[in-house]
Amino acid sequence: MARQITVTGMSCGGCEQSVEDALEAIGGVESATANRETETATVEGDADTDDLLAAVEDAGYEASA
């Protein structure tokens, strides 16, 4: 299942990669793609939304569902 979360604070490709790495480290995530221009991250898998938001915040960005 794909879902999209809002991620603010990304300013470069490295930021996108950091968010993707943080999300992909969560159990149940099959893949993640971040886009700084749309301030979103798209996640494939069945991970808990709260876990996804916490991972992004732990990486230093603001996240909301």
N, C-alpha and C. Protein backbone atom coordinates (compact mmCIF):
# COMPACT_ATOMS: atom_id res chain seq x y z
N MET A 1 0.85 -1.18 0.00
CA MET A 1 0.00 0.00 0.00
C MET A 1 0.89 1.24 0.00
N ALA A 2 0.59 2.16 -0.87
CA ALA A 2 1.36 3.41 -0.93
C ALA A 2 0.64 4.49 -0.15
N ARG A 3 1.40 5.29 0.56
CA ARG A 3 0.80 6.45 1.21
C ARG A 3 1.79 7.59 1.17
N GLN A 4 1.27 8.79 1.32
CA GLN A 4 2.09 9.98 1.22
C GLN A 4 2.06 10.73 2.54
N ILE A 5 3.21 11.19 2.98
CA ILE A 5 3.27 12.04 4.16
C ILE A 5 3.91 13.37 3.76
N THR A 6 3.61 14.39 4.51
CA THR A 6 4.19 15.71 4.28
C THR A 6 5.49 15.82 5.06
N VAL A 7 6.54 16.27 4.37
CA VAL A 7 7.85 16.45 5.01
C VAL A 7 8.34 17.85 4.68
N THR A 8 8.58 18.66 5.69
CA THR A 8 9.11 20.00 5.46
C THR A 8 10.53 20.10 6.00
N GLY A 9 11.29 20.99 5.39
CA GLY A 9 12.66 21.22 5.82
C GLY A 9 13.71 20.65 4.89
N MET A 10 13.29 19.93 3.84
CA MET A 10 14.25 19.40 2.87
C MET A 10 14.66 20.52 1.91
N SER A 11 15.97 20.68 1.70
CA SER A 11 16.42 21.77 0.83
C SER A 11 17.35 21.30 -0.29
N CYS A 12 17.70 20.01 -0.31
CA CYS A 12 18.63 19.53 -1.33
C CYS A 12 18.44 18.03 -1.54
N GLY A 13 19.15 17.49 -2.51
CA GLY A 13 19.08 16.06 -2.78
C GLY A 13 19.55 15.23 -1.60
N GLY A 14 20.53 15.74 -0.87
CA GLY A 14 21.01 15.03 0.31
C GLY A 14 19.93 14.92 1.37
N CYS A 15 19.11 15.95 1.49
CA CYS A 15 17.99 15.93 2.43
C CYS A 15 16.99 14.85 2.02
N GLU A 16 16.69 14.81 0.74
CA GLU A 16 15.78 13.78 0.24
C GLU A 16 16.32 12.40 0.56
N GLN A 17 17.61 12.19 0.34
CA GLN A 17 18.22 10.89 0.60
C GLN A 17 18.16 10.54 2.08
N SER A 18 18.38 11.53 2.94
CA SER A 18 18.30 11.29 4.39
C SER A 18 16.91 10.84 4.81
N VAL A 19 15.89 11.50 4.26
CA VAL A 19 14.51 11.12 4.57
C VAL A 19 14.22 9.72 4.04
N GLU A 20 14.63 9.43 2.82
CA GLU A 20 14.40 8.09 2.25
C GLU A 20 15.10 7.03 3.08
N ASP A 21 16.34 7.28 3.47
CA ASP A 21 17.08 6.30 4.28
C ASP A 21 16.39 6.06 5.62
N ALA A 22 15.93 7.15 6.25
CA ALA A 22 15.25 7.03 7.55
C ALA A 22 13.98 6.21 7.41
N LEU A 23 13.21 6.46 6.36
CA LEU A 23 11.96 5.73 6.16
C LEU A 23 12.22 4.26 5.81
N GLU A 24 13.21 4.01 4.97
CA GLU A 24 13.49 2.63 4.55
C GLU A 24 14.05 1.78 5.69
N ALA A 25 14.52 2.41 6.75
CA ALA A 25 15.03 1.67 7.91
C ALA A 25 13.90 1.14 8.79
N ILE A 26 12.67 1.58 8.54
CA ILE A 26 11.53 1.16 9.35
C ILE A 26 11.01 -0.18 8.83
N GLY A 27 10.74 -1.08 9.75
CA GLY A 27 10.19 -2.37 9.37
C GLY A 27 8.86 -2.21 8.66
N GLY A 28 8.68 -2.95 7.58
CA GLY A 28 7.44 -2.89 6.83
C GLY A 28 7.49 -1.94 5.64
N VAL A 29 8.56 -1.15 5.54
CA VAL A 29 8.70 -0.23 4.40
C VAL A 29 9.41 -0.97 3.27
N GLU A 30 8.76 -1.03 2.11
CA GLU A 30 9.36 -1.67 0.95
C GLU A 30 10.21 -0.67 0.17
N SER A 31 9.74 0.57 0.07
CA SER A 31 10.50 1.62 -0.61
C SER A 31 9.97 2.98 -0.18
N ALA A 32 10.80 4.00 -0.34
CA ALA A 32 10.40 5.36 0.00
C ALA A 32 11.04 6.33 -0.98
N THR A 33 10.28 7.34 -1.36
CA THR A 33 10.78 8.37 -2.26
C THR A 33 10.40 9.73 -1.68
N ALA A 34 11.38 10.61 -1.52
CA ALA A 34 11.13 11.96 -0.99
C ALA A 34 11.28 12.98 -2.12
N ASN A 35 10.48 14.04 -2.04
CA ASN A 35 10.52 15.10 -3.04
C ASN A 35 10.49 16.45 -2.32
N ARG A 36 11.61 17.16 -2.36
CA ARG A 36 11.69 18.43 -1.64
C ARG A 36 10.81 19.50 -2.26
N GLU A 37 10.58 19.44 -3.56
CA GLU A 37 9.79 20.47 -4.22
C GLU A 37 8.32 20.39 -3.84
N THR A 38 7.79 19.19 -3.66
CA THR A 38 6.39 19.03 -3.26
C THR A 38 6.25 18.83 -1.76
N GLU A 39 7.38 18.77 -1.05
CA GLU A 39 7.42 18.56 0.40
C GLU A 39 6.65 17.31 0.81
N THR A 40 6.90 16.22 0.06
CA THR A 40 6.22 14.97 0.36
C THR A 40 7.21 13.81 0.33
N ALA A 41 6.78 12.72 0.95
CA ALA A 41 7.48 11.45 0.83
C ALA A 41 6.41 10.40 0.56
N THR A 42 6.67 9.54 -0.40
CA THR A 42 5.76 8.46 -0.73
C THR A 42 6.38 7.15 -0.24
N VAL A 43 5.60 6.41 0.52
CA VAL A 43 6.10 5.19 1.15
C VAL A 43 5.27 4.00 0.69
N GLU A 44 5.95 2.96 0.23
CA GLU A 44 5.32 1.69 -0.13
C GLU A 44 5.56 0.71 1.02
N GLY A 45 4.49 0.04 1.45
CA GLY A 45 4.63 -0.95 2.51
C GLY A 45 3.53 -0.80 3.53
N ASP A 46 3.67 -1.56 4.61
CA ASP A 46 2.61 -1.57 5.62
C ASP A 46 3.09 -1.09 6.99
N ALA A 47 4.10 -0.24 7.02
CA ALA A 47 4.61 0.30 8.29
C ALA A 47 3.58 1.22 8.92
N ASP A 48 3.63 1.32 10.23
CA ASP A 48 2.74 2.20 10.98
C ASP A 48 3.07 3.66 10.69
N THR A 49 2.04 4.46 10.46
CA THR A 49 2.24 5.88 10.11
C THR A 49 3.00 6.61 11.21
N ASP A 50 2.70 6.34 12.47
CA ASP A 50 3.40 7.02 13.56
C ASP A 50 4.89 6.71 13.54
N ASP A 51 5.25 5.48 13.18
CA ASP A 51 6.66 5.11 13.08
C ASP A 51 7.34 5.88 11.95
N LEU A 52 6.63 6.06 10.84
CA LEU A 52 7.19 6.81 9.71
C LEU A 52 7.43 8.26 10.10
N LEU A 53 6.45 8.87 10.74
CA LEU A 53 6.59 10.28 11.15
C LEU A 53 7.73 10.44 12.15
N ALA A 54 7.84 9.51 13.08
CA ALA A 54 8.91 9.58 14.08
C ALA A 54 10.28 9.45 13.42
N ALA A 55 10.40 8.58 12.43
CA ALA A 55 11.68 8.39 11.74
C ALA A 55 12.11 9.66 11.02
N VAL A 56 11.17 10.32 10.35
CA VAL A 56 11.48 11.56 9.66
C VAL A 56 11.88 12.64 10.64
N GLU A 57 11.17 12.75 11.74
CA GLU A 57 11.48 13.75 12.75
C GLU A 57 12.84 13.47 13.39
N ASP A 58 13.15 12.20 13.62
CA ASP A 58 14.45 11.84 14.18
C ASP A 58 15.59 12.21 13.21
N ALA A 59 15.28 12.23 11.91
CA ALA A 59 16.28 12.60 10.91
C ALA A 59 16.43 14.12 10.81
N GLY A 60 15.59 14.88 11.52
CA GLY A 60 15.75 16.33 11.57
C GLY A 60 14.78 17.13 10.74
N TYR A 61 13.68 16.50 10.31
CA TYR A 61 12.70 17.18 9.47
C TYR A 61 11.33 17.15 10.14
N GLU A 62 10.45 18.02 9.71
CA GLU A 62 9.08 18.03 10.22
C GLU A 62 8.24 17.11 9.34
N ALA A 63 7.36 16.34 9.97
CA ALA A 63 6.53 15.40 9.23
C ALA A 63 5.11 15.39 9.76
N SER A 64 4.15 15.21 8.85
CA SER A 64 2.77 15.06 9.23
C SER A 64 2.07 14.15 8.22
N ALA A 65 1.00 13.52 8.69
CA ALA A 65 0.27 12.59 7.81
C ALA A 65 -0.84 13.31 7.07
